[in-house]
N, C-alpha and C. Protein backbone atom coordinates (compact mmCIF):
# COMPACT_ATOMS: atom_id res chain seq x y z
N MET A 1 -10.39 1.55 30.30
CA MET A 1 -11.25 0.56 29.89
C MET A 1 -10.77 0.31 28.06
N LYS A 2 -10.98 -0.86 27.57
CA LYS A 2 -10.44 -1.30 26.24
C LYS A 2 -11.51 -0.68 25.37
N HIS A 3 -11.29 -0.52 24.40
CA HIS A 3 -11.74 0.30 22.85
C HIS A 3 -12.30 -1.40 22.16
N PRO A 4 -13.67 -1.78 21.81
CA PRO A 4 -13.83 -3.03 21.28
C PRO A 4 -12.80 -2.93 19.76
N VAL A 5 -12.50 -2.44 19.11
CA VAL A 5 -11.99 -2.34 18.17
C VAL A 5 -10.54 -2.82 18.62
N ASP A 6 -9.60 -1.80 19.42
CA ASP A 6 -8.49 -2.42 19.98
C ASP A 6 -8.29 -3.58 20.16
N ALA A 7 -9.58 -4.24 21.03
CA ALA A 7 -9.58 -5.75 21.51
C ALA A 7 -9.46 -6.98 20.51
N HIS A 8 -10.30 -6.30 19.43
CA HIS A 8 -10.79 -7.22 18.16
C HIS A 8 -9.18 -7.04 17.49
N VAL A 9 -8.35 -5.98 17.16
CA VAL A 9 -7.32 -5.98 16.53
C VAL A 9 -6.11 -6.74 17.37
N GLY A 10 -6.10 -6.94 18.42
CA GLY A 10 -5.40 -7.42 19.31
C GLY A 10 -5.61 -9.10 19.11
N LYS A 11 -6.98 -9.52 19.22
CA LYS A 11 -7.14 -11.04 18.99
C LYS A 11 -7.04 -11.20 17.64
N ARG A 12 -7.02 -10.37 16.52
CA ARG A 12 -6.46 -11.09 15.30
C ARG A 12 -4.81 -11.11 15.36
N ILE A 13 -4.08 -10.29 15.87
CA ILE A 13 -2.79 -10.50 16.16
C ILE A 13 -2.42 -11.74 16.69
N ARG A 14 -3.17 -12.27 17.79
CA ARG A 14 -2.85 -13.25 18.75
C ARG A 14 -3.25 -14.76 17.52
N GLN A 15 -4.28 -14.37 17.12
CA GLN A 15 -4.76 -15.43 16.18
C GLN A 15 -3.87 -15.78 15.12
N ARG A 16 -3.29 -14.72 14.27
CA ARG A 16 -2.48 -14.80 13.08
C ARG A 16 -1.10 -15.59 13.71
N ARG A 17 -0.39 -14.94 14.89
CA ARG A 17 0.61 -15.24 15.51
C ARG A 17 0.41 -16.91 15.29
N TRP A 18 -0.34 -17.07 16.18
CA TRP A 18 -0.99 -18.70 16.53
C TRP A 18 -0.53 -19.64 15.38
N MET A 19 -1.53 -18.89 14.22
CA MET A 19 -1.59 -19.71 12.87
C MET A 19 -0.14 -19.84 12.22
N VAL A 20 0.65 -19.19 12.33
CA VAL A 20 1.58 -18.95 11.71
C VAL A 20 2.91 -19.78 12.73
N GLY A 21 2.67 -20.21 13.97
CA GLY A 21 3.61 -20.65 14.89
C GLY A 21 4.57 -20.15 15.35
N MET A 22 4.27 -18.69 15.53
CA MET A 22 5.12 -17.30 16.11
C MET A 22 5.27 -17.20 17.49
N THR A 23 6.05 -17.30 18.22
CA THR A 23 6.10 -16.74 19.74
C THR A 23 5.88 -15.28 19.79
N GLN A 24 5.50 -15.10 21.19
CA GLN A 24 5.39 -13.52 21.26
C GLN A 24 6.76 -12.79 21.23
N GLN A 25 7.54 -13.59 21.53
CA GLN A 25 9.34 -12.84 21.41
C GLN A 25 9.69 -13.00 20.09
N GLN A 26 9.32 -13.84 19.14
CA GLN A 26 9.49 -13.90 17.79
C GLN A 26 9.11 -12.40 17.16
N LEU A 27 7.66 -12.51 17.40
CA LEU A 27 7.04 -10.95 16.59
C LEU A 27 7.80 -9.93 17.13
N ALA A 28 7.92 -10.00 18.73
CA ALA A 28 8.51 -8.85 19.12
C ALA A 28 9.61 -8.31 18.60
N ASP A 29 10.74 -9.28 18.48
CA ASP A 29 11.81 -9.01 17.93
C ASP A 29 11.92 -8.66 16.21
N LYS A 30 10.96 -9.21 15.39
CA LYS A 30 10.87 -8.54 14.07
C LYS A 30 9.84 -7.42 14.21
N VAL A 31 9.41 -6.85 14.81
CA VAL A 31 8.62 -5.64 14.69
C VAL A 31 9.57 -4.49 15.81
N GLY A 32 10.85 -5.25 16.63
CA GLY A 32 11.37 -4.08 17.49
C GLY A 32 10.65 -3.57 18.83
N VAL A 33 9.95 -4.44 19.55
CA VAL A 33 9.56 -4.10 20.66
C VAL A 33 9.37 -5.10 21.89
N LYS A 34 9.42 -5.08 23.04
CA LYS A 34 9.67 -6.26 23.96
C LYS A 34 8.23 -7.09 23.65
N PHE A 35 8.54 -8.40 24.23
CA PHE A 35 7.19 -9.22 24.17
C PHE A 35 6.30 -8.95 25.15
N GLN A 36 6.60 -7.85 26.19
CA GLN A 36 5.36 -7.68 27.06
C GLN A 36 4.54 -6.49 26.17
N GLN A 37 4.82 -5.78 25.14
CA GLN A 37 4.49 -4.83 24.28
C GLN A 37 3.24 -5.58 23.35
N ILE A 38 3.82 -6.97 22.99
CA ILE A 38 2.96 -7.62 22.16
C ILE A 38 1.95 -7.94 22.85
N GLN A 39 2.25 -8.73 24.17
CA GLN A 39 1.10 -9.24 25.29
C GLN A 39 0.19 -8.00 25.54
N LYS A 40 0.49 -6.77 25.55
CA LYS A 40 -0.36 -5.72 25.73
C LYS A 40 -1.14 -5.03 24.22
N TYR A 41 -0.88 -5.48 23.53
CA TYR A 41 -1.48 -5.54 22.17
C TYR A 41 -2.71 -6.37 21.91
N GLU A 42 -2.15 -7.75 22.27
CA GLU A 42 -3.13 -9.22 22.06
C GLU A 42 -4.18 -8.83 22.90
N THR A 43 -3.98 -8.06 24.22
CA THR A 43 -5.15 -8.37 25.00
C THR A 43 -5.93 -7.00 24.65
N GLY A 44 -5.57 -6.12 24.19
CA GLY A 44 -6.37 -4.96 23.84
C GLY A 44 -5.97 -3.27 25.05
N MET A 45 -5.22 -3.90 25.83
CA MET A 45 -4.57 -2.81 26.74
C MET A 45 -3.66 -1.93 26.39
N ASN A 46 -3.21 -2.13 25.04
CA ASN A 46 -2.43 -1.16 24.55
C ASN A 46 -3.32 -0.97 22.95
N ARG A 47 -3.23 0.36 22.39
CA ARG A 47 -3.64 0.55 21.09
C ARG A 47 -2.02 0.00 20.24
N VAL A 48 -2.34 -0.31 19.05
CA VAL A 48 -1.41 -0.31 18.12
C VAL A 48 -1.56 0.95 16.99
N SER A 49 -0.45 1.58 17.15
CA SER A 49 -0.13 2.74 16.08
C SER A 49 -0.22 2.24 14.94
N ALA A 50 -0.31 3.02 14.07
CA ALA A 50 -0.70 2.61 12.59
C ALA A 50 0.75 2.08 11.69
N SER A 51 1.76 2.64 12.15
CA SER A 51 2.92 2.46 11.85
C SER A 51 3.47 1.14 12.36
N ARG A 52 3.37 0.65 13.75
CA ARG A 52 3.52 -0.43 14.68
C ARG A 52 2.45 -1.62 13.55
N LEU A 53 1.34 -1.39 13.51
CA LEU A 53 0.38 -2.41 12.86
C LEU A 53 1.18 -2.74 11.32
N TRP A 54 1.75 -1.68 10.98
CA TRP A 54 2.25 -1.98 9.53
C TRP A 54 3.45 -2.92 9.47
N ASP A 55 3.99 -2.92 10.49
CA ASP A 55 5.16 -3.69 10.94
C ASP A 55 4.69 -5.05 11.23
N VAL A 56 3.68 -5.24 11.90
CA VAL A 56 3.16 -6.13 12.51
C VAL A 56 2.48 -7.12 11.54
N ALA A 57 2.00 -6.44 10.54
CA ALA A 57 1.43 -6.94 9.32
C ALA A 57 2.40 -7.56 8.15
N ASP A 58 3.50 -6.88 8.24
CA ASP A 58 4.75 -7.37 7.40
C ASP A 58 5.30 -8.59 8.16
N ALA A 59 5.30 -8.51 8.99
CA ALA A 59 6.35 -9.71 10.17
C ALA A 59 5.57 -11.00 9.78
N MET A 60 4.12 -10.82 9.87
CA MET A 60 3.04 -12.09 9.84
C MET A 60 2.66 -12.12 8.08
N GLY A 61 3.04 -11.53 7.44
CA GLY A 61 2.85 -11.58 6.07
C GLY A 61 1.21 -11.73 5.82
N VAL A 62 0.39 -10.42 5.96
CA VAL A 62 -0.54 -10.38 5.81
C VAL A 62 -0.63 -8.61 5.56
N SER A 63 -2.08 -8.49 4.92
CA SER A 63 -2.20 -6.94 4.82
C SER A 63 -2.59 -6.55 6.20
N ILE A 64 -2.71 -4.94 6.33
CA ILE A 64 -3.14 -4.68 7.19
C ILE A 64 -4.76 -4.59 7.77
N SER A 65 -5.54 -5.15 6.71
CA SER A 65 -6.88 -5.04 6.31
C SER A 65 -7.06 -6.64 7.38
N PHE A 66 -6.28 -7.18 7.11
CA PHE A 66 -6.42 -8.63 7.93
C PHE A 66 -6.98 -8.49 9.49
N PHE A 67 -6.35 -7.23 10.37
CA PHE A 67 -6.70 -7.20 11.63
C PHE A 67 -7.87 -6.97 11.96
N PHE A 68 -8.83 -6.24 10.59
CA PHE A 68 -9.82 -5.73 11.11
C PHE A 68 -11.36 -6.32 10.25
N GLU A 69 -10.69 -7.47 9.80
CA GLU A 69 -11.63 -8.31 9.35
C GLU A 69 -12.49 -8.87 10.26
N GLY A 70 -13.89 -9.02 9.86
CA GLY A 70 -14.82 -9.40 10.98
C GLY A 70 -15.53 -8.29 11.81
N LEU A 71 -14.90 -7.12 11.77
CA LEU A 71 -15.56 -6.15 12.48
C LEU A 71 -16.26 -4.85 11.32
N SER A 72 -17.58 -4.92 11.33
CA SER A 72 -18.15 -4.03 10.75
C SER A 72 -18.70 -3.07 11.54
N GLU A 73 -19.45 -2.24 10.70
CA GLU A 73 -19.98 -1.02 11.24
C GLU A 73 -20.82 -1.54 12.65
N GLY A 74 -21.02 -1.06 13.64
CA GLY A 74 -21.82 -1.46 14.63
C GLY A 74 -21.70 -2.62 15.50
N ALA A 75 -20.55 -3.55 14.45
CA ALA A 75 -20.13 -4.55 15.42
C ALA A 75 -19.23 -4.85 16.43
N ALA A 76 -18.69 -3.54 16.77
CA ALA A 76 -18.06 -3.69 17.86
C ALA A 76 -18.82 -4.03 19.15
N ALA A 77 -19.71 -3.33 19.31
CA ALA A 77 -20.59 -3.89 20.14
C ALA A 77 -21.00 -5.38 20.25
N ALA A 78 -21.45 -5.76 19.38
CA ALA A 78 -21.76 -7.12 19.28
C ALA A 78 -20.68 -8.09 19.58
N TYR A 79 -19.42 -7.27 18.99
CA TYR A 79 -18.51 -8.42 19.28
C TYR A 79 -17.73 -8.61 20.46
N GLU A 80 -18.07 -7.52 21.52
CA GLU A 80 -17.31 -7.58 23.11
C GLU A 80 -18.44 -8.92 23.76
N LEU A 81 -19.87 -9.04 23.14
CA LEU A 81 -21.08 -9.75 23.85
C LEU A 81 -20.68 -11.21 23.06
N GLN A 82 -20.18 -11.56 22.15
CA GLN A 82 -20.08 -12.83 21.48
C GLN A 82 -18.77 -13.35 21.81
N GLY A 83 -18.72 -14.75 21.79
CA GLY A 83 -17.53 -15.47 22.46
C GLY A 83 -16.49 -15.56 21.32
N ASP A 84 -14.98 -15.33 21.29
CA ASP A 84 -14.45 -15.67 20.13
C ASP A 84 -13.65 -16.92 20.54
N MET A 85 -14.24 -17.83 19.28
CA MET A 85 -13.89 -18.97 19.51
C MET A 85 -12.58 -19.12 19.09
N MET A 86 -12.14 -18.49 18.18
CA MET A 86 -10.70 -18.58 17.69
C MET A 86 -9.49 -17.67 18.69
N ALA A 87 -10.09 -17.30 19.75
CA ALA A 87 -9.15 -16.99 20.69
C ALA A 87 -8.97 -18.14 21.67
N ASP A 88 -9.72 -19.48 21.22
CA ASP A 88 -9.21 -20.71 22.11
C ASP A 88 -8.00 -21.34 21.47
N LYS A 89 -7.00 -21.32 22.35
CA LYS A 89 -5.62 -22.18 21.66
C LYS A 89 -6.31 -23.48 20.92
N GLU A 90 -6.79 -24.23 21.66
CA GLU A 90 -7.09 -25.44 21.07
C GLU A 90 -7.97 -25.79 19.78
N ALA A 91 -8.89 -24.74 19.99
CA ALA A 91 -9.60 -24.18 18.49
C ALA A 91 -8.55 -23.87 17.25
N LEU A 92 -7.80 -22.99 17.62
CA LEU A 92 -6.68 -22.33 16.71
C LEU A 92 -5.62 -23.93 16.16
N ASP A 93 -5.27 -24.37 17.15
CA ASP A 93 -4.29 -25.97 16.94
C ASP A 93 -5.25 -26.54 16.02
N LEU A 94 -6.58 -26.97 16.30
CA LEU A 94 -7.67 -27.68 15.51
C LEU A 94 -7.34 -27.29 13.96
N VAL A 95 -7.75 -25.82 13.63
CA VAL A 95 -7.60 -25.37 12.44
C VAL A 95 -6.25 -25.69 11.61
N ARG A 96 -5.31 -25.41 12.43
CA ARG A 96 -3.58 -25.24 11.85
C ARG A 96 -3.64 -27.07 11.20
N SER A 97 -4.22 -27.93 12.27
CA SER A 97 -3.82 -29.01 11.88
C SER A 97 -4.87 -29.58 10.74
N TYR A 98 -6.35 -28.67 10.69
CA TYR A 98 -6.82 -29.32 9.72
C TYR A 98 -6.60 -28.89 8.16
N TYR A 99 -5.64 -27.42 8.09
CA TYR A 99 -5.48 -27.15 6.75
C TYR A 99 -3.90 -27.73 6.71
N ALA A 100 -3.32 -28.72 7.51
CA ALA A 100 -2.45 -28.94 7.32
C ALA A 100 -2.70 -30.61 6.37
N ILE A 101 -3.74 -30.85 6.64
CA ILE A 101 -4.54 -32.26 5.51
C ILE A 101 -4.66 -32.05 4.30
N PRO A 102 -4.35 -32.67 3.64
CA PRO A 102 -4.19 -32.76 1.86
C PRO A 102 -5.85 -32.26 1.62
N GLU A 103 -5.95 -31.72 0.66
CA GLU A 103 -7.04 -31.08 0.33
C GLU A 103 -8.37 -32.11 -0.18
N ALA A 104 -8.06 -32.90 -0.44
CA ALA A 104 -9.18 -34.10 -0.84
C ALA A 104 -9.68 -34.57 0.38
N GLN A 105 -8.59 -35.12 1.55
CA GLN A 105 -8.98 -35.75 2.91
C GLN A 105 -9.64 -34.50 3.58
N ARG A 106 -9.29 -33.21 3.57
CA ARG A 106 -9.90 -32.34 4.30
C ARG A 106 -11.53 -31.88 3.92
N ARG A 107 -11.67 -32.26 2.60
CA ARG A 107 -12.79 -32.29 2.21
C ARG A 107 -13.58 -32.91 2.71
N ARG A 108 -13.52 -34.40 2.82
CA ARG A 108 -14.04 -35.24 3.13
C ARG A 108 -14.15 -35.37 4.76
N LEU A 109 -13.30 -35.01 5.46
CA LEU A 109 -13.42 -34.53 6.97
C LEU A 109 -14.46 -33.52 6.96
N PHE A 110 -14.42 -32.29 6.45
CA PHE A 110 -15.31 -31.31 6.60
C PHE A 110 -17.10 -31.92 6.33
N ASP A 111 -17.32 -32.38 5.33
CA ASP A 111 -18.40 -33.42 5.16
C ASP A 111 -18.82 -34.09 6.25
N LEU A 112 -17.82 -34.94 7.01
CA LEU A 112 -18.35 -36.04 7.85
C LEU A 112 -18.66 -34.97 8.98
N ALA A 113 -17.70 -33.98 9.49
CA ALA A 113 -18.26 -32.84 10.54
C ALA A 113 -19.50 -32.33 10.43
N ARG A 114 -19.85 -31.80 9.13
CA ARG A 114 -21.35 -31.54 8.94
C ARG A 114 -22.36 -32.37 9.51
N VAL A 115 -21.99 -33.71 9.11
CA VAL A 115 -22.96 -34.73 9.03
C VAL A 115 -23.45 -35.09 10.60
N LEU A 116 -21.89 -35.17 11.19
CA LEU A 116 -22.17 -35.17 12.84
C LEU A 116 -22.61 -34.10 13.38
N SER A 117 -22.63 -32.75 13.11
CA SER A 117 -23.02 -31.65 13.73
C SER A 117 -24.88 -31.58 13.50
N ASP A 118 -25.01 -32.13 12.24
CA ASP A 118 -26.52 -31.99 11.80
C ASP A 118 -27.16 -33.30 12.62
N ALA A 119 -26.42 -34.08 13.13
CA ALA A 119 -27.09 -35.31 13.93
C ALA A 119 -27.38 -35.15 15.28
N ALA A 120 -26.60 -34.12 15.62
CA ALA A 120 -26.38 -33.80 17.22
C ALA A 120 -27.85 -32.98 17.68
């Protein structure tokens, strides 16, 4: 059975990999494992050792703490219950596209989305 922390770390690895536009194979090559191992990390089926997590963080340009963000004391159980919106590839594509928009237009788009969601 997967430990909720391992699942969280794996989801954060997948999210960051998608955000930077990296394939599992590319990440695997950078950290010296096979892409199947990256798959196992991302699903939480295999735990990521401290040294491997260091390599993954370095390969994707983040600190190790990035992989634990959003996981607080007692949050592991709650995390299992809630849906992980950022696990959806469409949601990540939307976020990536959103941040590609220049800041002034992005702010206006955000305001429009807020108005539309309040009206719904």
